């Protein structure tokens, strides 16, 4: 199973937050990297696979395109959510795989001809329309996405753990490449995701707290 390090960018820094409450996010200065500058941060951690959320662009207050392209060149694959609102917003660049998040993508997902669809979930429902995630996953089966990411925004940074029953339901609804992020607490949750047939996990807080081995992140693989 792929193991992907998550990195949120806000105001030119790598930030850490909890439960998707973005106004409270602060530079990540307590983790494995002594610097919250994006490139030095990556030089310290050296992940193989990276997920970047450009929080400024998602909220319409700025952009980190230059930093994202620099970071993408440092990893094998870089998943990028920059708040796409239309296909023209997809970012080109070395090693970049675009994430199209339901939070900003608009109602017509068929407009997008590539990328990974991120189901941005709060309280069990896909935002902004409070839809059943299983319905969106079934719709995605018929669309040309390279895969889907289940992103539980309300669990981000909490390490509160995962539900096997819920994971099984997601996996049953979508047969393609499927990642999960949000609330992954440690090795037991990674084993659970792998056991339920997920293809990848997006992690951050548990890595910085030592609950997920750094060498696994550097390999980009959980096995």
C-alpha atoms as a PDB file:
ATOM      1  CA  UNK A   1       0.000   0.000   0.000  1.00  0.00           C
ATOM      2  CA  UNK A   2       1.297   3.457  -0.907  1.00  0.00           C
ATOM      3  CA  UNK A   3       2.215   5.688   2.036  1.00  0.00           C
ATOM      4  CA  UNK A   4       1.866   9.387   1.268  1.00  0.00           C
ATOM      5  CA  UNK A   5       3.050  12.246   3.479  1.00  0.00           C
ATOM      6  CA  UNK A   6       0.572  15.134   3.707  1.00  0.00           C
ATOM      7  CA  UNK A   7       1.815  18.726   3.677  1.00  0.00           C
ATOM      8  CA  UNK A   8      -0.531  21.707   4.084  1.00  0.00           C
ATOM      9  CA  UNK A   9       0.737  25.074   2.857  1.00  0.00           C
ATOM     10  CA  UNK A  10      -0.530  28.385   4.205  1.00  0.00           C
ATOM     11  CA  UNK A  11       1.192  31.761   3.966  1.00  0.00           C
ATOM     12  CA  UNK A  12       4.345  30.198   2.557  1.00  0.00           C
ATOM     13  CA  UNK A  13       4.781  27.753   5.453  1.00  0.00           C
ATOM     14  CA  UNK A  14       4.022  24.135   6.209  1.00  0.00           C
ATOM     15  CA  UNK A  15       1.212  24.235   8.762  1.00  0.00           C
ATOM     16  CA  UNK A  16      -0.450  21.774  11.095  1.00  0.00           C
ATOM     17  CA  UNK A  17      -4.080  21.812  12.064  1.00  0.00           C
ATOM     18  CA  UNK A  18      -6.913  19.768  13.437  1.00  0.00           C
ATOM     19  CA  UNK A  19     -10.420  18.943  12.241  1.00  0.00           C
ATOM     20  CA  UNK A  20     -10.134  21.153   9.154  1.00  0.00           C
ATOM     21  CA  UNK A  21     -10.440  24.366  11.206  1.00  0.00           C
ATOM     22  CA  UNK A  22      -8.078  26.242   8.910  1.00  0.00           C
ATOM     23  CA  UNK A  23      -8.126  29.570  10.735  1.00  0.00           C
ATOM     24  CA  UNK A  24      -6.328  27.842  13.627  1.00  0.00           C
ATOM     25  CA  UNK A  25      -3.557  26.237  11.539  1.00  0.00           C
ATOM     26  CA  UNK A  26      -0.047  27.271  12.607  1.00  0.00           C
ATOM     27  CA  UNK A  27       3.466  26.582  11.219  1.00  0.00           C
ATOM     28  CA  UNK A  28       4.557  23.028  11.931  1.00  0.00           C
ATOM     29  CA  UNK A  29       7.643  23.711  14.037  1.00  0.00           C
ATOM     30  CA  UNK A  30       7.338  20.839  16.534  1.00  0.00           C
ATOM     31  CA  UNK A  31       7.614  17.854  14.173  1.00  0.00           C
ATOM     32  CA  UNK A  32      10.422  15.964  12.473  1.00  0.00           C
ATOM     33  CA  UNK A  33      11.667  18.996  10.538  1.00  0.00           C
ATOM     34  CA  UNK A  34      13.339  21.974  12.246  1.00  0.00           C
ATOM     35  CA  UNK A  35      11.979  24.223   9.492  1.00  0.00           C
ATOM     36  CA  UNK A  36       8.443  24.979   8.307  1.00  0.00           C
ATOM     37  CA  UNK A  37       9.784  26.281   4.978  1.00  0.00           C
ATOM     38  CA  UNK A  38       8.477  23.827   2.345  1.00  0.00           C
ATOM     39  CA  UNK A  39      11.771  22.836   0.669  1.00  0.00           C
ATOM     40  CA  UNK A  40      13.883  22.534   3.865  1.00  0.00           C
ATOM     41  CA  UNK A  41      10.970  20.669   5.442  1.00  0.00           C
ATOM     42  CA  UNK A  42      11.048  18.086   2.672  1.00  0.00           C
ATOM     43  CA  UNK A  43      14.836  17.896   2.765  1.00  0.00           C
ATOM     44  CA  UNK A  44      14.533  16.819   6.418  1.00  0.00           C
ATOM     45  CA  UNK A  45      11.798  14.217   5.987  1.00  0.00           C
ATOM     46  CA  UNK A  46      12.571  12.944   2.453  1.00  0.00           C
ATOM     47  CA  UNK A  47       9.247  11.248   1.646  1.00  0.00           C
ATOM     48  CA  UNK A  48       8.870   9.254  -1.546  1.00  0.00           C
ATOM     49  CA  UNK A  49       5.239  10.266  -2.054  1.00  0.00           C
ATOM     50  CA  UNK A  50       3.741  13.633  -1.151  1.00  0.00           C
ATOM     51  CA  UNK A  51       0.274  15.188  -0.899  1.00  0.00           C
ATOM     52  CA  UNK A  52       0.134  18.987  -0.888  1.00  0.00           C
ATOM     53  CA  UNK A  53      -2.947  21.016  -0.009  1.00  0.00           C
ATOM     54  CA  UNK A  54      -2.558  24.665  -1.005  1.00  0.00           C
ATOM     55  CA  UNK A  55      -4.878  26.086   1.648  1.00  0.00           C
ATOM     56  CA  UNK A  56      -4.494  29.653   0.380  1.00  0.00           C
ATOM     57  CA  UNK A  57      -5.641  28.740  -3.090  1.00  0.00           C
ATOM     58  CA  UNK A  58      -8.416  26.475  -1.793  1.00  0.00           C
ATOM     59  CA  UNK A  59      -9.791  29.426   0.190  1.00  0.00           C
ATOM     60  CA  UNK A  60      -9.068  31.960  -2.585  1.00  0.00           C
ATOM     61  CA  UNK A  61      -6.467  34.007  -0.699  1.00  0.00           C
ATOM     62  CA  UNK A  62      -3.226  33.190  -2.535  1.00  0.00           C
ATOM     63  CA  UNK A  63      -1.160  30.542  -4.290  1.00  0.00           C
ATOM     64  CA  UNK A  64       1.919  28.363  -3.744  1.00  0.00           C
ATOM     65  CA  UNK A  65       2.514  27.181  -7.308  1.00  0.00           C
ATOM     66  CA  UNK A  66       6.247  27.945  -7.256  1.00  0.00           C
ATOM     67  CA  UNK A  67       6.758  26.112  -3.965  1.00  0.00           C
ATOM     68  CA  UNK A  68       4.625  23.178  -5.128  1.00  0.00           C
ATOM     69  CA  UNK A  69       6.629  22.678  -8.326  1.00  0.00           C
ATOM     70  CA  UNK A  70       9.888  22.824  -6.349  1.00  0.00           C
ATOM     71  CA  UNK A  71       8.610  20.256  -3.860  1.00  0.00           C
ATOM     72  CA  UNK A  72       7.240  17.979  -6.589  1.00  0.00           C
ATOM     73  CA  UNK A  73      10.708  17.684  -8.118  1.00  0.00           C
ATOM     74  CA  UNK A  74      11.962  16.273  -4.792  1.00  0.00           C
ATOM     75  CA  UNK A  75       9.612  13.264  -4.665  1.00  0.00           C
ATOM     76  CA  UNK A  76       8.548  10.344  -6.819  1.00  0.00           C
ATOM     77  CA  UNK A  77       4.927  11.521  -7.041  1.00  0.00           C
ATOM     78  CA  UNK A  78       3.219  14.650  -5.749  1.00  0.00           C
ATOM     79  CA  UNK A  79      -0.555  14.782  -5.330  1.00  0.00           C
ATOM     80  CA  UNK A  80      -1.666  18.429  -5.426  1.00  0.00           C
ATOM     81  CA  UNK A  81      -4.970  19.921  -4.259  1.00  0.00           C
ATOM     82  CA  UNK A  82      -4.909  23.578  -5.252  1.00  0.00           C
ATOM     83  CA  UNK A  83      -8.637  24.161  -5.048  1.00  0.00           C
ATOM     84  CA  UNK A  84      -9.570  23.373  -8.644  1.00  0.00           C
ATOM     85  CA  UNK A  85     -12.770  25.122  -9.641  1.00  0.00           C
ATOM     86  CA  UNK A  86     -12.531  24.214 -13.337  1.00  0.00           C
ATOM     87  CA  UNK A  87     -10.311  21.988 -15.534  1.00  0.00           C
ATOM     88  CA  UNK A  88      -8.173  25.028 -16.402  1.00  0.00           C
ATOM     89  CA  UNK A  89      -6.995  25.111 -12.770  1.00  0.00           C
ATOM     90  CA  UNK A  90      -5.091  21.832 -13.043  1.00  0.00           C
ATOM     91  CA  UNK A  91      -1.377  22.362 -12.409  1.00  0.00           C
ATOM     92  CA  UNK A  92       1.246  21.055 -14.808  1.00  0.00           C
ATOM     93  CA  UNK A  93       4.719  20.063 -13.690  1.00  0.00           C
ATOM     94  CA  UNK A  94       7.180  17.269 -13.039  1.00  0.00           C
ATOM     95  CA  UNK A  95       5.803  14.397 -10.892  1.00  0.00           C
ATOM     96  CA  UNK A  96       2.487  16.231 -10.265  1.00  0.00           C
ATOM     97  CA  UNK A  97      -0.826  14.383 -10.030  1.00  0.00           C
ATOM     98  CA  UNK A  98      -3.732  16.783  -9.599  1.00  0.00           C
ATOM     99  CA  UNK A  99      -6.332  16.309  -6.877  1.00  0.00           C
ATOM    100  CA  UNK A 100      -9.826  17.550  -7.689  1.00  0.00           C
ATOM    101  CA  UNK A 101     -11.570  18.189  -4.373  1.00  0.00           C
ATOM    102  CA  UNK A 102     -15.349  18.169  -4.091  1.00  0.00           C
ATOM    103  CA  UNK A 103     -15.091  21.209  -1.810  1.00  0.00           C
ATOM    104  CA  UNK A 104     -14.249  23.426  -4.801  1.00  0.00           C
ATOM    105  CA  UNK A 105     -14.738  21.340  -7.975  1.00  0.00           C
ATOM    106  CA  UNK A 106     -18.369  22.256  -8.659  1.00  0.00           C
ATOM    107  CA  UNK A 107     -21.324  19.998  -9.290  1.00  0.00           C
ATOM    108  CA  UNK A 108     -20.334  18.635 -12.711  1.00  0.00           C
ATOM    109  CA  UNK A 109     -17.437  16.272 -12.095  1.00  0.00           C
ATOM    110  CA  UNK A 110     -17.604  15.043 -15.689  1.00  0.00           C
ATOM    111  CA  UNK A 111     -15.790  18.243 -16.733  1.00  0.00           C
ATOM    112  CA  UNK A 112     -12.512  16.798 -15.449  1.00  0.00           C
ATOM    113  CA  UNK A 113     -10.671  14.435 -17.784  1.00  0.00           C
ATOM    114  CA  UNK A 114      -7.935  13.307 -15.375  1.00  0.00           C
ATOM    115  CA  UNK A 115      -6.618  13.471 -11.824  1.00  0.00           C
ATOM    116  CA  UNK A 116      -7.642  12.016  -8.471  1.00  0.00           C
ATOM    117  CA  UNK A 117     -11.083  12.870  -7.114  1.00  0.00           C
ATOM    118  CA  UNK A 118     -10.977  13.855  -3.436  1.00  0.00           C
ATOM    119  CA  UNK A 119     -14.194  13.264  -1.528  1.00  0.00           C
ATOM    120  CA  UNK A 120     -13.918  15.983   1.116  1.00  0.00           C
ATOM    121  CA  UNK A 121     -15.973  14.679   4.035  1.00  0.00           C
ATOM    122  CA  UNK A 122     -17.344  16.258   7.189  1.00  0.00           C
ATOM    123  CA  UNK A 123     -19.582  14.393   9.602  1.00  0.00           C
ATOM    124  CA  UNK A 124     -19.774  11.471   7.212  1.00  0.00           C
ATOM    125  CA  UNK A 125     -21.045  13.498   4.233  1.00  0.00           C
ATOM    126  CA  UNK A 126     -19.317  14.923   1.161  1.00  0.00           C
ATOM    127  CA  UNK A 127     -19.120  18.716   1.149  1.00  0.00           C
ATOM    128  CA  UNK A 128     -20.364  21.141  -0.008  1.00  0.00           C
ATOM    129  CA  UNK A 129     -23.663  19.392  -0.819  1.00  0.00           C
ATOM    130  CA  UNK A 130     -23.810  16.952   2.121  1.00  0.00           C
ATOM    131  CA  UNK A 131     -24.011  13.966  -0.202  1.00  0.00           C
ATOM    132  CA  UNK A 132     -23.556  10.302   0.637  1.00  0.00           C
ATOM    133  CA  UNK A 133     -19.929   9.399  -0.182  1.00  0.00           C
ATOM    134  CA  UNK A 134     -20.989   6.026  -1.562  1.00  0.00           C
ATOM    135  CA  UNK A 135     -23.096   7.791  -4.206  1.00  0.00           C
ATOM    136  CA  UNK A 136     -20.129   9.946  -5.261  1.00  0.00           C
ATOM    137  CA  UNK A 137     -17.819   6.913  -5.391  1.00  0.00           C
ATOM    138  CA  UNK A 138     -20.286   5.064  -7.612  1.00  0.00           C
ATOM    139  CA  UNK A 139     -20.497   8.113  -9.888  1.00  0.00           C
ATOM    140  CA  UNK A 140     -16.700   8.303 -10.030  1.00  0.00           C
ATOM    141  CA  UNK A 141     -16.539   4.738 -11.386  1.00  0.00           C
ATOM    142  CA  UNK A 142     -17.955   6.045 -14.672  1.00  0.00           C
ATOM    143  CA  UNK A 143     -15.640   9.062 -14.896  1.00  0.00           C
ATOM    144  CA  UNK A 144     -12.023   9.234 -16.189  1.00  0.00           C
ATOM    145  CA  UNK A 145     -10.344   9.849 -12.819  1.00  0.00           C
ATOM    146  CA  UNK A 146      -7.183   7.879 -12.061  1.00  0.00           C
ATOM    147  CA  UNK A 147      -8.521   7.173  -8.588  1.00  0.00           C
ATOM    148  CA  UNK A 148     -10.258   8.589  -5.520  1.00  0.00           C
ATOM    149  CA  UNK A 149      -9.163   9.908  -2.133  1.00  0.00           C
ATOM    150  CA  UNK A 150     -11.462   9.702   0.869  1.00  0.00           C
ATOM    151  CA  UNK A 151     -10.430  12.729   2.951  1.00  0.00           C
ATOM    152  CA  UNK A 152     -12.102  12.937   6.343  1.00  0.00           C
ATOM    153  CA  UNK A 153     -11.530  16.640   7.049  1.00  0.00           C
ATOM    154  CA  UNK A 154     -13.115  16.459  10.481  1.00  0.00           C
ATOM    155  CA  UNK A 155     -10.581  13.832  11.567  1.00  0.00           C
ATOM    156  CA  UNK A 156      -7.454  15.545  10.219  1.00  0.00           C
ATOM    157  CA  UNK A 157      -4.794  15.901  12.913  1.00  0.00           C
ATOM    158  CA  UNK A 158      -6.809  14.009  15.522  1.00  0.00           C
ATOM    159  CA  UNK A 159      -5.275  10.512  15.307  1.00  0.00           C
ATOM    160  CA  UNK A 160      -8.685   9.266  16.415  1.00  0.00           C
ATOM    161  CA  UNK A 161      -8.502   6.043  14.419  1.00  0.00           C
ATOM    162  CA  UNK A 162     -10.606   4.403  11.722  1.00  0.00           C
ATOM    163  CA  UNK A 163     -13.777   2.342  11.397  1.00  0.00           C
ATOM    164  CA  UNK A 164     -13.383  -1.000   9.623  1.00  0.00           C
ATOM    165  CA  UNK A 165     -17.064  -1.050   8.706  1.00  0.00           C
ATOM    166  CA  UNK A 166     -16.911   2.389   7.108  1.00  0.00           C
ATOM    167  CA  UNK A 167     -13.716   1.561   5.217  1.00  0.00           C
ATOM    168  CA  UNK A 168     -15.260  -1.638   3.863  1.00  0.00           C
ATOM    169  CA  UNK A 169     -18.227   0.337   2.568  1.00  0.00           C
ATOM    170  CA  UNK A 170     -15.992   2.796   0.731  1.00  0.00           C
ATOM    171  CA  UNK A 171     -13.939   0.006  -0.795  1.00  0.00           C
ATOM    172  CA  UNK A 172     -17.048  -1.856  -1.956  1.00  0.00           C
ATOM    173  CA  UNK A 173     -18.402   1.274  -3.682  1.00  0.00           C
ATOM    174  CA  UNK A 174     -15.297   1.993  -5.778  1.00  0.00           C
ATOM    175  CA  UNK A 175     -13.144  -0.645  -7.506  1.00  0.00           C
ATOM    176  CA  UNK A 176     -10.324   1.658  -8.671  1.00  0.00           C
ATOM    177  CA  UNK A 177      -7.245   3.137  -7.004  1.00  0.00           C
ATOM    178  CA  UNK A 178      -8.411   4.332  -3.578  1.00  0.00           C
ATOM    179  CA  UNK A 179      -6.595   6.351  -0.907  1.00  0.00           C
ATOM    180  CA  UNK A 180      -7.678   7.391   2.571  1.00  0.00           C
ATOM    181  CA  UNK A 181      -6.631  10.353   4.703  1.00  0.00           C
ATOM    182  CA  UNK A 182      -7.729  11.863   8.007  1.00  0.00           C
ATOM    183  CA  UNK A 183      -7.406  10.437  11.509  1.00  0.00           C
ATOM    184  CA  UNK A 184      -4.882   7.676  10.726  1.00  0.00           C
ATOM    185  CA  UNK A 185      -3.438   7.053  14.189  1.00  0.00           C
ATOM    186  CA  UNK A 186      -0.598   4.636  13.550  1.00  0.00           C
ATOM    187  CA  UNK A 187       0.526   1.239  12.344  1.00  0.00           C
ATOM    188  CA  UNK A 188      -2.691  -0.544  13.346  1.00  0.00           C
ATOM    189  CA  UNK A 189      -4.766   1.789  11.165  1.00  0.00           C
ATOM    190  CA  UNK A 190      -2.381   1.293   8.249  1.00  0.00           C
ATOM    191  CA  UNK A 191      -2.770  -2.466   8.626  1.00  0.00           C
ATOM    192  CA  UNK A 192      -6.543  -1.992   8.713  1.00  0.00           C
ATOM    193  CA  UNK A 193      -6.519   0.075   5.512  1.00  0.00           C
ATOM    194  CA  UNK A 194      -4.307  -2.457   3.752  1.00  0.00           C
ATOM    195  CA  UNK A 195      -6.517  -5.303   4.975  1.00  0.00           C
ATOM    196  CA  UNK A 196      -9.623  -3.603   3.599  1.00  0.00           C
ATOM    197  CA  UNK A 197      -7.961  -3.324   0.196  1.00  0.00           C
ATOM    198  CA  UNK A 198      -7.060   0.361   0.093  1.00  0.00           C
ATOM    199  CA  UNK A 199      -4.258   1.298  -2.285  1.00  0.00           C
ATOM    200  CA  UNK A 200      -2.827   4.186  -0.281  1.00  0.00           C
ATOM    201  CA  UNK A 201      -2.904   6.152   2.966  1.00  0.00           C
ATOM    202  CA  UNK A 202      -2.248   9.874   3.452  1.00  0.00           C
ATOM    203  CA  UNK A 203      -0.595  10.569   6.802  1.00  0.00           C
ATOM    204  CA  UNK A 204       1.092  13.402   8.699  1.00  0.00           C
ATOM    205  CA  UNK A 205       0.455  13.880  12.429  1.00  0.00           C
ATOM    206  CA  UNK A 206       1.147  10.244  13.314  1.00  0.00           C
ATOM    207  CA  UNK A 207       4.479  10.451  11.468  1.00  0.00           C
ATOM    208  CA  UNK A 208       5.577  13.547  13.401  1.00  0.00           C
ATOM    209  CA  UNK A 209       4.550  11.948  16.700  1.00  0.00           C
ATOM    210  CA  UNK A 210       6.519   8.784  15.947  1.00  0.00           C
ATOM    211  CA  UNK A 211       3.505   6.482  15.592  1.00  0.00           C
ATOM    212  CA  UNK A 212       4.301   5.701  11.940  1.00  0.00           C
ATOM    213  CA  UNK A 213       7.925   4.833  11.086  1.00  0.00           C
ATOM    214  CA  UNK A 214       9.777   7.494   9.134  1.00  0.00           C
ATOM    215  CA  UNK A 215      11.559   4.874   7.047  1.00  0.00           C
ATOM    216  CA  UNK A 216       8.186   3.678   5.689  1.00  0.00           C
ATOM    217  CA  UNK A 217       7.370   7.239   4.596  1.00  0.00           C
ATOM    218  CA  UNK A 218      10.758   7.441   2.911  1.00  0.00           C
ATOM    219  CA  UNK A 219      10.011   4.221   1.027  1.00  0.00           C
ATOM    220  CA  UNK A 220       6.467   5.393   0.261  1.00  0.00           C
ATOM    221  CA  UNK A 221       5.247   1.926   1.084  1.00  0.00           C
ATOM    222  CA  UNK A 222       3.417   0.136   3.876  1.00  0.00           C
ATOM    223  CA  UNK A 223       3.659  -3.629   3.756  1.00  0.00           C
END
